[in-house]
């Protein structure tokens, strides 16, 4: 149940941000240069916290999430 709730939260957040992402794409890649309909992608990082009953709440969405590992804890979390 928790994972399906998190998946729904991420899907809804992605859909809500779609118009802004489409605009940024159109500005960066003019229509004449996009012969296949897509030329790039964006990696998003979603920070989610669970409340006392396990309901996920979105904290923030990072457009350039860090893949650096500065500590052993950071390494163990990011490499799962």
Protein backbone atom coordinates (compact mmCIF):
# COMPACT_ATOMS: atom_id res chain seq x y z
CA UNK A 1 0.00 0.00 0.00
CA UNK A 2 2.77 2.46 0.89
CA UNK A 3 4.65 1.92 -2.39
CA UNK A 4 1.47 2.30 -4.46
CA UNK A 5 0.70 5.55 -2.60
CA UNK A 6 4.23 6.83 -3.27
CA UNK A 7 3.94 5.83 -6.94
CA UNK A 8 0.64 7.72 -7.22
CA UNK A 9 2.16 10.78 -5.51
CA UNK A 10 5.10 10.80 -7.94
CA UNK A 11 2.84 10.27 -10.97
CA UNK A 12 0.54 13.14 -9.95
CA UNK A 13 3.50 15.44 -9.27
CA UNK A 14 5.04 14.61 -12.65
CA UNK A 15 1.75 15.29 -14.43
CA UNK A 16 1.35 18.61 -12.58
CA UNK A 17 4.84 19.72 -13.70
CA UNK A 18 4.40 18.56 -17.30
CA UNK A 19 3.37 21.93 -18.82
CA UNK A 20 6.45 23.67 -17.37
CA UNK A 21 8.74 20.85 -18.51
CA UNK A 22 7.22 20.87 -22.01
CA UNK A 23 7.75 24.62 -22.26
CA UNK A 24 11.39 24.33 -21.12
CA UNK A 25 11.92 21.58 -23.70
CA UNK A 26 10.41 23.65 -26.52
CA UNK A 27 12.59 26.63 -25.59
CA UNK A 28 15.76 24.50 -25.44
CA UNK A 29 15.05 22.38 -28.55
CA UNK A 30 13.43 24.33 -31.40
CA UNK A 31 10.81 22.38 -33.34
CA UNK A 32 12.92 22.14 -36.50
CA UNK A 33 15.80 20.49 -34.59
CA UNK A 34 13.65 17.80 -32.99
CA UNK A 35 13.25 15.30 -35.84
CA UNK A 36 12.28 12.32 -33.66
CA UNK A 37 9.88 14.00 -31.22
CA UNK A 38 12.24 13.81 -28.26
CA UNK A 39 15.89 14.66 -27.79
CA UNK A 40 16.62 14.68 -24.07
CA UNK A 41 15.40 13.61 -20.65
CA UNK A 42 15.41 14.93 -17.10
CA UNK A 43 16.33 13.01 -13.98
CA UNK A 44 14.09 13.98 -11.08
CA UNK A 45 14.61 13.23 -7.40
CA UNK A 46 11.52 13.04 -5.21
CA UNK A 47 11.88 13.60 -1.46
CA UNK A 48 9.00 11.95 0.38
CA UNK A 49 8.29 11.63 4.09
CA UNK A 50 5.78 9.25 5.69
CA UNK A 51 3.48 10.48 8.44
CA UNK A 52 2.56 8.49 11.55
CA UNK A 53 0.05 6.33 9.62
CA UNK A 54 2.32 5.73 6.64
CA UNK A 55 0.79 8.32 4.30
CA UNK A 56 3.45 9.74 1.97
CA UNK A 57 3.87 13.50 1.75
CA UNK A 58 5.96 15.21 -0.92
CA UNK A 59 8.71 17.41 0.51
CA UNK A 60 10.32 18.55 -2.74
CA UNK A 61 11.27 17.56 -6.27
CA UNK A 62 14.89 18.07 -7.31
CA UNK A 63 15.60 18.63 -10.98
CA UNK A 64 19.29 17.78 -10.55
CA UNK A 65 19.46 15.23 -7.70
CA UNK A 66 22.87 14.42 -6.31
CA UNK A 67 24.34 10.99 -6.92
CA UNK A 68 27.37 11.80 -4.76
CA UNK A 69 27.97 9.74 -1.65
CA UNK A 70 29.74 11.70 1.08
CA UNK A 71 29.28 9.27 3.97
CA UNK A 72 28.74 5.59 4.64
CA UNK A 73 25.05 6.22 5.41
CA UNK A 74 24.65 8.16 2.15
CA UNK A 75 26.39 5.33 0.27
CA UNK A 76 24.15 2.64 1.80
CA UNK A 77 20.94 4.57 0.98
CA UNK A 78 21.82 5.59 -2.58
CA UNK A 79 23.24 2.24 -3.63
CA UNK A 80 20.20 0.11 -2.71
